[in-house]
Amino acid sequence: MKLGIIATKVNEEAFRRAKDYGLDFVEFTINGGNDGAELFDQLDSVKKWMKEYHLEVGSIGRWKTDEQLPDGTLNPFEVEMAKKLMDACHELDCPTYVCGCNYQDTRTLYQNYTTAIDFFSRVLEMAPAGLNVADYNCHKGNFVIAPEQWRVVLGHLPELKIKYDPAHAFDFGRDPMEELAEWGDRVVHMHLKGSLFVNGKRIDDTPCGLDQTNWKGMLGILYAKGFDGTMAFEPHGDVWTGDREAAGVRYSVKYMRDLMI
């Protein structure tokens, strides 16, 4: 297993910060509204920073977009973005590309599933050899987020993997241990942030180890499922960003390192 952190920008500071935290990689999220130029125009610089800081790019992903248009057709811009981002993965020796597919309320559930399968199939067909394509379990720009949808979409597409974040399961009252017990063999990438709820009310997204997430048990499940992938910290919440972010990340890194074999 390797530990990394999500980079807010594609620049040298992202690598310096990850190195300072004692991590193995950075992750780039090129979300909706971002045409990817900051990554595509700096691929040579990214390679240089990787070499200088002895770090990898562990994942590249795209959230918060409309892959499915209102009429059910695929957005040609997003299909092309997926191809370009996967080509960037290949050039940077990045093992995983993360994406999702949005839901259109004007269409039936069956139609949405059909389009999602079409989109993920297209991405898998375009993917360079050896690259993992992973569906993310967040609802922002995606509806294929839990076992109910995975049984349909991933059941039809055995090559499609999962980027898993236990915090999103907690947000909707689901049990991440139960989900990983069923689907852990498809997980290739994780996001790490703590979840703290009391009587169903969210308190904060805390550093790992200051929350209710059974990280020890989840790692036990992942080891049992053969997981040897990447896990990226995602500094989050109302308290553990800004001036407290560095302290929270350092706490999380130590906590997770102590659990890893």
C-alpha atoms as a PDB file:
ATOM      1  CA  MET A   1       0.000   0.000   0.000  1.00  0.00           C
ATOM      2  CA  LYS A   2       1.114   3.560  -0.699  1.00  0.00           C
ATOM      3  CA  LEU A   3       0.029   6.793   0.991  1.00  0.00           C
ATOM      4  CA  GLY A   4      -0.369  10.119  -0.792  1.00  0.00           C
ATOM      5  CA  ILE A   5      -2.325  13.357  -0.748  1.00  0.00           C
ATOM      6  CA  ILE A   6      -4.639  15.198  -3.118  1.00  0.00           C
ATOM      7  CA  ALA A   7      -2.925  18.209  -4.682  1.00  0.00           C
ATOM      8  CA  THR A   8      -4.992  21.375  -4.899  1.00  0.00           C
ATOM      9  CA  LYS A   9      -2.870  22.631  -7.803  1.00  0.00           C
ATOM     10  CA  VAL A  10      -0.485  21.143 -10.340  1.00  0.00           C
ATOM     11  CA  ASN A  11       2.731  22.757  -9.185  1.00  0.00           C
ATOM     12  CA  GLU A  12       6.016  22.036  -7.447  1.00  0.00           C
ATOM     13  CA  GLU A  13       4.548  22.981  -4.069  1.00  0.00           C
ATOM     14  CA  ALA A  14       2.259  19.940  -4.274  1.00  0.00           C
ATOM     15  CA  PHE A  15       5.290  17.680  -4.471  1.00  0.00           C
ATOM     16  CA  ARG A  16       7.210  19.578  -1.800  1.00  0.00           C
ATOM     17  CA  ARG A  17       4.269  19.290   0.583  1.00  0.00           C
ATOM     18  CA  ALA A  18       3.812  15.556  -0.049  1.00  0.00           C
ATOM     19  CA  LYS A  19       7.530  14.977   0.497  1.00  0.00           C
ATOM     20  CA  ASP A  20       7.460  16.987   3.718  1.00  0.00           C
ATOM     21  CA  TYR A  21       4.623  14.792   5.011  1.00  0.00           C
ATOM     22  CA  GLY A  22       6.646  11.656   4.248  1.00  0.00           C
ATOM     23  CA  LEU A  23       4.214  10.413   1.597  1.00  0.00           C
ATOM     24  CA  ASP A  24       4.657   8.311  -1.533  1.00  0.00           C
ATOM     25  CA  PHE A  25       2.617  10.145  -4.162  1.00  0.00           C
ATOM     26  CA  VAL A  26       0.410  13.064  -5.142  1.00  0.00           C
ATOM     27  CA  GLU A  27      -3.038  12.864  -6.701  1.00  0.00           C
ATOM     28  CA  PHE A  28      -4.416  15.319  -9.235  1.00  0.00           C
ATOM     29  CA  THR A  29      -8.161  16.009  -9.432  1.00  0.00           C
ATOM     30  CA  ILE A  30      -9.042  17.830 -12.652  1.00  0.00           C
ATOM     31  CA  ASN A  31     -12.698  18.544 -11.896  1.00  0.00           C
ATOM     32  CA  GLY A  32     -15.571  19.961 -13.915  1.00  0.00           C
ATOM     33  CA  GLY A  33     -14.910  23.470 -15.206  1.00  0.00           C
ATOM     34  CA  ASN A  34     -11.202  22.683 -15.502  1.00  0.00           C
ATOM     35  CA  ASP A  35      -9.982  22.002 -19.036  1.00  0.00           C
ATOM     36  CA  GLY A  36      -6.868  20.268 -17.743  1.00  0.00           C
ATOM     37  CA  ALA A  37      -4.430  22.781 -19.242  1.00  0.00           C
ATOM     38  CA  GLU A  38      -2.573  23.185 -15.940  1.00  0.00           C
ATOM     39  CA  LEU A  39      -1.731  19.476 -16.121  1.00  0.00           C
ATOM     40  CA  PHE A  40      -1.392  18.948 -19.864  1.00  0.00           C
ATOM     41  CA  ASP A  41       0.898  21.982 -20.291  1.00  0.00           C
ATOM     42  CA  GLN A  42       3.181  20.892 -17.447  1.00  0.00           C
ATOM     43  CA  LEU A  43       3.708  17.186 -18.038  1.00  0.00           C
ATOM     44  CA  ASP A  44       7.453  17.650 -18.483  1.00  0.00           C
ATOM     45  CA  SER A  45       7.612  19.696 -15.278  1.00  0.00           C
ATOM     46  CA  VAL A  46       5.599  17.067 -13.416  1.00  0.00           C
ATOM     47  CA  LYS A  47       8.055  14.390 -14.552  1.00  0.00           C
ATOM     48  CA  LYS A  48      10.917  16.570 -13.314  1.00  0.00           C
ATOM     49  CA  TRP A  49       9.257  17.079  -9.906  1.00  0.00           C
ATOM     50  CA  MET A  50       8.543  13.359  -9.615  1.00  0.00           C
ATOM     51  CA  LYS A  51      12.226  12.639 -10.129  1.00  0.00           C
ATOM     52  CA  GLU A  52      13.493  15.436  -7.871  1.00  0.00           C
ATOM     53  CA  TYR A  53      11.203  14.583  -4.948  1.00  0.00           C
ATOM     54  CA  HIS A  54      11.208  10.803  -5.503  1.00  0.00           C
ATOM     55  CA  LEU A  55       7.403  10.764  -5.626  1.00  0.00           C
ATOM     56  CA  GLU A  56       4.805   9.216  -7.922  1.00  0.00           C
ATOM     57  CA  VAL A  57       1.508  10.433  -9.319  1.00  0.00           C
ATOM     58  CA  GLY A  58      -0.788   7.868  -7.754  1.00  0.00           C
ATOM     59  CA  SER A  59      -4.110   8.861  -9.309  1.00  0.00           C
ATOM     60  CA  ILE A  60      -5.685  11.351 -11.711  1.00  0.00           C
ATOM     61  CA  GLY A  61      -9.432  11.874 -11.563  1.00  0.00           C
ATOM     62  CA  ARG A  62     -12.339  14.020 -12.700  1.00  0.00           C
ATOM     63  CA  TRP A  63     -15.364  14.871 -10.522  1.00  0.00           C
ATOM     64  CA  LYS A  64     -18.411  17.161 -10.795  1.00  0.00           C
ATOM     65  CA  THR A  65     -19.059  16.936 -14.537  1.00  0.00           C
ATOM     66  CA  ASP A  66     -21.952  16.076 -16.845  1.00  0.00           C
ATOM     67  CA  GLU A  67     -20.843  13.067 -18.847  1.00  0.00           C
ATOM     68  CA  GLN A  68     -24.501  12.405 -19.695  1.00  0.00           C
ATOM     69  CA  LEU A  69     -26.428  15.146 -21.495  1.00  0.00           C
ATOM     70  CA  PRO A  70     -30.189  15.683 -20.908  1.00  0.00           C
ATOM     71  CA  ASP A  71     -31.091  13.626 -23.991  1.00  0.00           C
ATOM     72  CA  GLY A  72     -28.966  10.701 -22.791  1.00  0.00           C
ATOM     73  CA  THR A  73     -26.127  11.153 -25.251  1.00  0.00           C
ATOM     74  CA  LEU A  74     -22.560  11.328 -24.032  1.00  0.00           C
ATOM     75  CA  ASN A  75     -20.920  14.726 -23.725  1.00  0.00           C
ATOM     76  CA  PRO A  76     -18.186  14.663 -26.410  1.00  0.00           C
ATOM     77  CA  PHE A  77     -16.043  17.125 -24.437  1.00  0.00           C
ATOM     78  CA  GLU A  78     -16.040  14.873 -21.371  1.00  0.00           C
ATOM     79  CA  VAL A  79     -15.282  11.775 -23.436  1.00  0.00           C
ATOM     80  CA  GLU A  80     -12.312  13.594 -24.939  1.00  0.00           C
ATOM     81  CA  MET A  81     -11.222  14.838 -21.501  1.00  0.00           C
ATOM     82  CA  ALA A  82     -11.264  11.269 -20.207  1.00  0.00           C
ATOM     83  CA  LYS A  83      -9.032  10.205 -23.083  1.00  0.00           C
ATOM     84  CA  LYS A  84      -6.587  13.076 -22.565  1.00  0.00           C
ATOM     85  CA  LEU A  85      -6.399  12.516 -18.820  1.00  0.00           C
ATOM     86  CA  MET A  86      -5.815   8.795 -19.291  1.00  0.00           C
ATOM     87  CA  ASP A  87      -3.070   9.567 -21.802  1.00  0.00           C
ATOM     88  CA  ALA A  88      -1.541  11.800 -19.116  1.00  0.00           C
ATOM     89  CA  CYS A  89      -1.764   8.881 -16.677  1.00  0.00           C
ATOM     90  CA  HIS A  90       0.128   6.735 -19.138  1.00  0.00           C
ATOM     91  CA  GLU A  91       2.835   9.354 -19.663  1.00  0.00           C
ATOM     92  CA  LEU A  92       3.298   9.807 -15.904  1.00  0.00           C
ATOM     93  CA  ASP A  93       3.171   6.081 -15.052  1.00  0.00           C
ATOM     94  CA  CYS A  94       0.066   6.791 -12.976  1.00  0.00           C
ATOM     95  CA  PRO A  95      -1.809   3.535 -12.204  1.00  0.00           C
ATOM     96  CA  THR A  96      -5.395   4.783 -11.835  1.00  0.00           C
ATOM     97  CA  TYR A  97      -7.867   7.088 -13.587  1.00  0.00           C
ATOM     98  CA  VAL A  98     -10.996   7.970 -11.585  1.00  0.00           C
ATOM     99  CA  CYS A  99     -14.332   9.069 -13.063  1.00  0.00           C
ATOM    100  CA  GLY A 100     -18.108   8.860 -12.651  1.00  0.00           C
ATOM    101  CA  CYS A 101     -21.347   9.363 -14.568  1.00  0.00           C
ATOM    102  CA  ASN A 102     -24.072  11.847 -13.644  1.00  0.00           C
ATOM    103  CA  TYR A 103     -27.816  11.131 -13.373  1.00  0.00           C
ATOM    104  CA  GLN A 104     -30.409  12.880 -15.543  1.00  0.00           C
ATOM    105  CA  ASP A 105     -33.765  13.304 -13.778  1.00  0.00           C
ATOM    106  CA  THR A 106     -35.605  13.599 -17.100  1.00  0.00           C
ATOM    107  CA  ARG A 107     -34.720   9.994 -17.937  1.00  0.00           C
ATOM    108  CA  THR A 108     -35.760   6.681 -16.422  1.00  0.00           C
ATOM    109  CA  LEU A 109     -33.525   4.713 -14.074  1.00  0.00           C
ATOM    110  CA  TYR A 110     -33.034   2.105 -16.766  1.00  0.00           C
ATOM    111  CA  GLN A 111     -31.989   4.764 -19.273  1.00  0.00           C
ATOM    112  CA  ASN A 112     -29.526   6.267 -16.800  1.00  0.00           C
ATOM    113  CA  TYR A 113     -27.991   2.859 -16.154  1.00  0.00           C
ATOM    114  CA  THR A 114     -27.712   2.238 -19.883  1.00  0.00           C
ATOM    115  CA  THR A 115     -25.902   5.529 -20.449  1.00  0.00           C
ATOM    116  CA  ALA A 116     -23.598   4.975 -17.464  1.00  0.00           C
ATOM    117  CA  ILE A 117     -22.612   1.570 -18.828  1.00  0.00           C
ATOM    118  CA  ASP A 118     -22.067   3.167 -22.241  1.00  0.00           C
ATOM    119  CA  PHE A 119     -19.826   5.874 -20.759  1.00  0.00           C
ATOM    120  CA  PHE A 120     -17.724   3.571 -18.609  1.00  0.00           C
ATOM    121  CA  SER A 121     -17.436   1.123 -21.516  1.00  0.00           C
ATOM    122  CA  ARG A 122     -16.148   3.914 -23.745  1.00  0.00           C
ATOM    123  CA  VAL A 123     -13.587   4.960 -21.134  1.00  0.00           C
ATOM    124  CA  LEU A 124     -12.417   1.376 -20.655  1.00  0.00           C
ATOM    125  CA  GLU A 125     -12.010   0.972 -24.409  1.00  0.00           C
ATOM    126  CA  MET A 126      -9.876   4.127 -24.618  1.00  0.00           C
ATOM    127  CA  ALA A 127      -7.739   3.316 -21.564  1.00  0.00           C
ATOM    128  CA  PRO A 128      -4.059   2.552 -22.170  1.00  0.00           C
ATOM    129  CA  ALA A 129      -3.052  -1.012 -21.366  1.00  0.00           C
ATOM    130  CA  GLY A 130      -2.527  -1.596 -17.657  1.00  0.00           C
ATOM    131  CA  LEU A 131      -4.368   1.514 -16.465  1.00  0.00           C
ATOM    132  CA  ASN A 132      -7.064   1.047 -13.806  1.00  0.00           C
ATOM    133  CA  VAL A 133     -10.343   2.844 -14.519  1.00  0.00           C
ATOM    134  CA  ALA A 134     -12.196   3.407 -11.244  1.00  0.00           C
ATOM    135  CA  ASP A 135     -15.698   4.637 -10.464  1.00  0.00           C
ATOM    136  CA  TYR A 136     -15.775   6.957  -7.435  1.00  0.00           C
ATOM    137  CA  ASN A 137     -18.319   6.534  -4.609  1.00  0.00           C
ATOM    138  CA  CYS A 138     -19.163  10.234  -4.242  1.00  0.00           C
ATOM    139  CA  HIS A 139     -22.520  11.643  -5.394  1.00  0.00           C
ATOM    140  CA  LYS A 140     -21.016  14.841  -6.858  1.00  0.00           C
ATOM    141  CA  GLY A 141     -21.438  14.315 -10.586  1.00  0.00           C
ATOM    142  CA  ASN A 142     -22.007  10.583 -10.170  1.00  0.00           C
ATOM    143  CA  PHE A 143     -24.832   8.229  -9.252  1.00  0.00           C
ATOM    144  CA  VAL A 144     -22.914   4.934  -9.403  1.00  0.00           C
ATOM    145  CA  ILE A 145     -21.839   5.245  -5.776  1.00  0.00           C
ATOM    146  CA  ALA A 146     -22.889   2.166  -3.772  1.00  0.00           C
ATOM    147  CA  PRO A 147     -23.547  -1.589  -3.982  1.00  0.00           C
ATOM    148  CA  GLU A 148     -27.051  -1.011  -5.376  1.00  0.00           C
ATOM    149  CA  GLN A 149     -25.572   0.597  -8.492  1.00  0.00           C
ATOM    150  CA  TRP A 150     -22.339  -1.415  -8.545  1.00  0.00           C
ATOM    151  CA  ARG A 151     -24.271  -4.663  -8.877  1.00  0.00           C
ATOM    152  CA  VAL A 152     -25.713  -3.314 -12.144  1.00  0.00           C
ATOM    153  CA  VAL A 153     -22.849  -1.326 -13.677  1.00  0.00           C
ATOM    154  CA  LEU A 154     -19.766  -3.090 -12.296  1.00  0.00           C
ATOM    155  CA  GLY A 155     -21.581  -6.386 -12.555  1.00  0.00           C
ATOM    156  CA  HIS A 156     -21.809  -5.752 -16.295  1.00  0.00           C
ATOM    157  CA  LEU A 157     -18.266  -4.356 -16.568  1.00  0.00           C
ATOM    158  CA  PRO A 158     -15.842  -6.648 -14.718  1.00  0.00           C
ATOM    159  CA  GLU A 159     -12.850  -4.483 -15.732  1.00  0.00           C
ATOM    160  CA  LEU A 160     -14.253  -1.396 -13.963  1.00  0.00           C
ATOM    161  CA  LYS A 161     -12.732  -0.748 -10.528  1.00  0.00           C
ATOM    162  CA  ILE A 162     -13.685   1.388  -7.500  1.00  0.00           C
ATOM    163  CA  LYS A 163     -12.197   4.458  -5.858  1.00  0.00           C
ATOM    164  CA  TYR A 164     -13.554   4.185  -2.312  1.00  0.00           C
ATOM    165  CA  ASP A 165     -14.002   6.818   0.406  1.00  0.00           C
ATOM    166  CA  PRO A 166     -15.633   5.539   3.631  1.00  0.00           C
ATOM    167  CA  ALA A 167     -16.729   9.074   4.515  1.00  0.00           C
ATOM    168  CA  HIS A 168     -19.273   9.047   1.687  1.00  0.00           C
ATOM    169  CA  ALA A 169     -20.840   5.869   3.045  1.00  0.00           C
ATOM    170  CA  PHE A 170     -21.165   7.477   6.494  1.00  0.00           C
ATOM    171  CA  ASP A 171     -22.713  10.583   4.917  1.00  0.00           C
ATOM    172  CA  PHE A 172     -25.652   8.513   3.655  1.00  0.00           C
ATOM    173  CA  GLY A 173     -25.975   6.178   6.626  1.00  0.00           C
ATOM    174  CA  ARG A 174     -24.306   3.181   4.987  1.00  0.00           C
ATOM    175  CA  ASP A 175     -21.742   0.856   6.551  1.00  0.00           C
ATOM    176  CA  PRO A 176     -18.304   1.048   4.852  1.00  0.00           C
ATOM    177  CA  MET A 177     -17.252  -2.241   6.448  1.00  0.00           C
ATOM    178  CA  GLU A 178     -20.211  -4.002   4.831  1.00  0.00           C
ATOM    179  CA  GLU A 179     -19.526  -2.365   1.463  1.00  0.00           C
ATOM    180  CA  LEU A 180     -15.834  -3.284   1.499  1.00  0.00           C
ATOM    181  CA  ALA A 181     -16.592  -6.840   2.585  1.00  0.00           C
ATOM    182  CA  GLU A 182     -18.654  -7.226  -0.600  1.00  0.00           C
ATOM    183  CA  TRP A 183     -16.707  -5.002  -3.012  1.00  0.00           C
ATOM    184  CA  GLY A 184     -13.181  -4.704  -1.584  1.00  0.00           C
ATOM    185  CA  ASP A 185     -11.744  -6.884  -4.328  1.00  0.00           C
ATOM    186  CA  ARG A 186     -12.644  -4.158  -6.865  1.00  0.00           C
ATOM    187  CA  VAL A 187     -11.099  -1.273  -4.893  1.00  0.00           C
ATOM    188  CA  VAL A 188      -7.817   0.051  -6.321  1.00  0.00           C
ATOM    189  CA  HIS A 189      -7.691   3.533  -4.783  1.00  0.00           C
ATOM    190  CA  MET A 190      -8.914   5.125  -1.541  1.00  0.00           C
ATOM    191  CA  HIS A 191      -9.529   8.611  -0.197  1.00  0.00           C
ATOM    192  CA  LEU A 192      -8.763   9.050   3.490  1.00  0.00           C
ATOM    193  CA  LYS A 193     -10.583  11.482   5.754  1.00  0.00           C
ATOM    194  CA  GLY A 194     -12.284  10.875   9.058  1.00  0.00           C
ATOM    195  CA  SER A 195     -16.033  10.983   9.752  1.00  0.00           C
ATOM    196  CA  LEU A 196     -17.593  11.926  13.057  1.00  0.00           C
ATOM    197  CA  PHE A 197     -21.363  11.710  13.574  1.00  0.00           C
ATOM    198  CA  VAL A 198     -23.307  11.810  16.853  1.00  0.00           C
ATOM    199  CA  ASN A 199     -26.981  10.775  16.842  1.00  0.00           C
ATOM    200  CA  GLY A 200     -26.928  11.046  13.067  1.00  0.00           C
ATOM    201  CA  LYS A 201     -25.597  14.616  13.103  1.00  0.00           C
ATOM    202  CA  ARG A 202     -22.291  15.359  11.429  1.00  0.00           C
ATOM    203  CA  ILE A 203     -19.728  16.930  13.736  1.00  0.00           C
ATOM    204  CA  ASP A 204     -16.792  17.223  11.327  1.00  0.00           C
ATOM    205  CA  ASP A 205     -14.551  15.411   8.860  1.00  0.00           C
ATOM    206  CA  THR A 206     -11.635  14.879  11.208  1.00  0.00           C
ATOM    207  CA  PRO A 207      -8.108  13.526  10.774  1.00  0.00           C
ATOM    208  CA  CYS A 208      -7.949   9.739  10.543  1.00  0.00           C
ATOM    209  CA  GLY A 209      -7.846   8.365  14.076  1.00  0.00           C
ATOM    210  CA  LEU A 210      -9.924  11.151  15.618  1.00  0.00           C
ATOM    211  CA  ASP A 211     -13.135   9.792  14.156  1.00  0.00           C
ATOM    212  CA  GLN A 212     -15.534   6.846  14.263  1.00  0.00           C
ATOM    213  CA  THR A 213     -14.178   5.086  11.175  1.00  0.00           C
ATOM    214  CA  ASN A 214     -12.915   1.573  11.883  1.00  0.00           C
ATOM    215  CA  TRP A 215      -9.706   2.073   9.921  1.00  0.00           C
ATOM    216  CA  LYS A 216      -8.087  -0.977  11.489  1.00  0.00           C
ATOM    217  CA  GLY A 217     -10.963  -3.228  10.503  1.00  0.00           C
ATOM    218  CA  MET A 218     -11.167  -1.755   7.010  1.00  0.00           C
ATOM    219  CA  LEU A 219      -7.470  -2.330   6.400  1.00  0.00           C
ATOM    220  CA  GLY A 220      -7.984  -5.883   7.623  1.00  0.00           C
ATOM    221  CA  ILE A 221     -10.708  -6.374   5.014  1.00  0.00           C
ATOM    222  CA  LEU A 222      -8.600  -4.771   2.290  1.00  0.00           C
ATOM    223  CA  TYR A 223      -5.612  -6.976   3.100  1.00  0.00           C
ATOM    224  CA  ALA A 224      -7.925 -10.011   3.003  1.00  0.00           C
ATOM    225  CA  LYS A 225      -9.184  -8.882  -0.413  1.00  0.00           C
ATOM    226  CA  GLY A 226      -5.635  -8.529  -1.749  1.00  0.00           C
ATOM    227  CA  PHE A 227      -5.618  -4.728  -1.922  1.00  0.00           C
ATOM    228  CA  ASP A 228      -2.167  -3.272  -2.564  1.00  0.00           C
ATOM    229  CA  GLY A 229      -3.183   0.047  -4.048  1.00  0.00           C
ATOM    230  CA  THR A 230      -2.976   3.748  -3.289  1.00  0.00           C
ATOM    231  CA  MET A 231      -4.626   5.774  -0.514  1.00  0.00           C
ATOM    232  CA  ALA A 232      -4.717   9.577  -0.655  1.00  0.00           C
ATOM    233  CA  PHE A 233      -5.404  11.906   2.263  1.00  0.00           C
ATOM    234  CA  GLU A 234      -8.073  14.518   1.575  1.00  0.00           C
ATOM    235  CA  PRO A 235      -7.833  17.312   4.176  1.00  0.00           C
ATOM    236  CA  HIS A 236     -11.439  18.224   4.792  1.00  0.00           C
ATOM    237  CA  GLY A 237     -13.983  19.497   7.257  1.00  0.00           C
ATOM    238  CA  ASP A 238     -14.636  22.812   8.947  1.00  0.00           C
ATOM    239  CA  VAL A 239     -11.872  22.612  11.534  1.00  0.00           C
ATOM    240  CA  TRP A 240      -8.979  20.699   9.958  1.00  0.00           C
ATOM    241  CA  THR A 241      -8.176  22.984   7.041  1.00  0.00           C
ATOM    242  CA  GLY A 242      -6.332  26.295   6.957  1.00  0.00           C
ATOM    243  CA  ASP A 243      -3.987  26.740   9.911  1.00  0.00           C
ATOM    244  CA  ARG A 244      -4.766  23.270  11.304  1.00  0.00           C
ATOM    245  CA  GLU A 245      -4.412  21.349   8.059  1.00  0.00           C
ATOM    246  CA  ALA A 246      -0.735  20.445   8.423  1.00  0.00           C
ATOM    247  CA  ALA A 247      -1.204  19.193  11.993  1.00  0.00           C
ATOM    248  CA  GLY A 248      -4.183  17.088  10.918  1.00  0.00           C
ATOM    249  CA  VAL A 249      -2.355  15.579   7.959  1.00  0.00           C
ATOM    250  CA  ARG A 250       0.687  14.704  10.069  1.00  0.00           C
ATOM    251  CA  TYR A 251      -1.550  13.061  12.673  1.00  0.00           C
ATOM    252  CA  SER A 252      -3.355  11.081   9.950  1.00  0.00           C
ATOM    253  CA  VAL A 253      -0.130   9.975   8.279  1.00  0.00           C
ATOM    254  CA  LYS A 254       1.297   8.645  11.543  1.00  0.00           C
ATOM    255  CA  TYR A 255      -1.988   6.952  12.466  1.00  0.00           C
ATOM    256  CA  MET A 256      -2.345   5.172   9.125  1.00  0.00           C
ATOM    257  CA  ARG A 257       1.346   4.221   8.904  1.00  0.00           C
ATOM    258  CA  ASP A 258       1.089   2.569  12.317  1.00  0.00           C
ATOM    259  CA  LEU A 259      -1.815   0.418  11.045  1.00  0.00           C
ATOM    260  CA  MET A 260      -0.121  -0.683   7.841  1.00  0.00           C
ATOM    261  CA  ILE A 261       1.866  -3.884   7.608  1.00  0.00           C
END
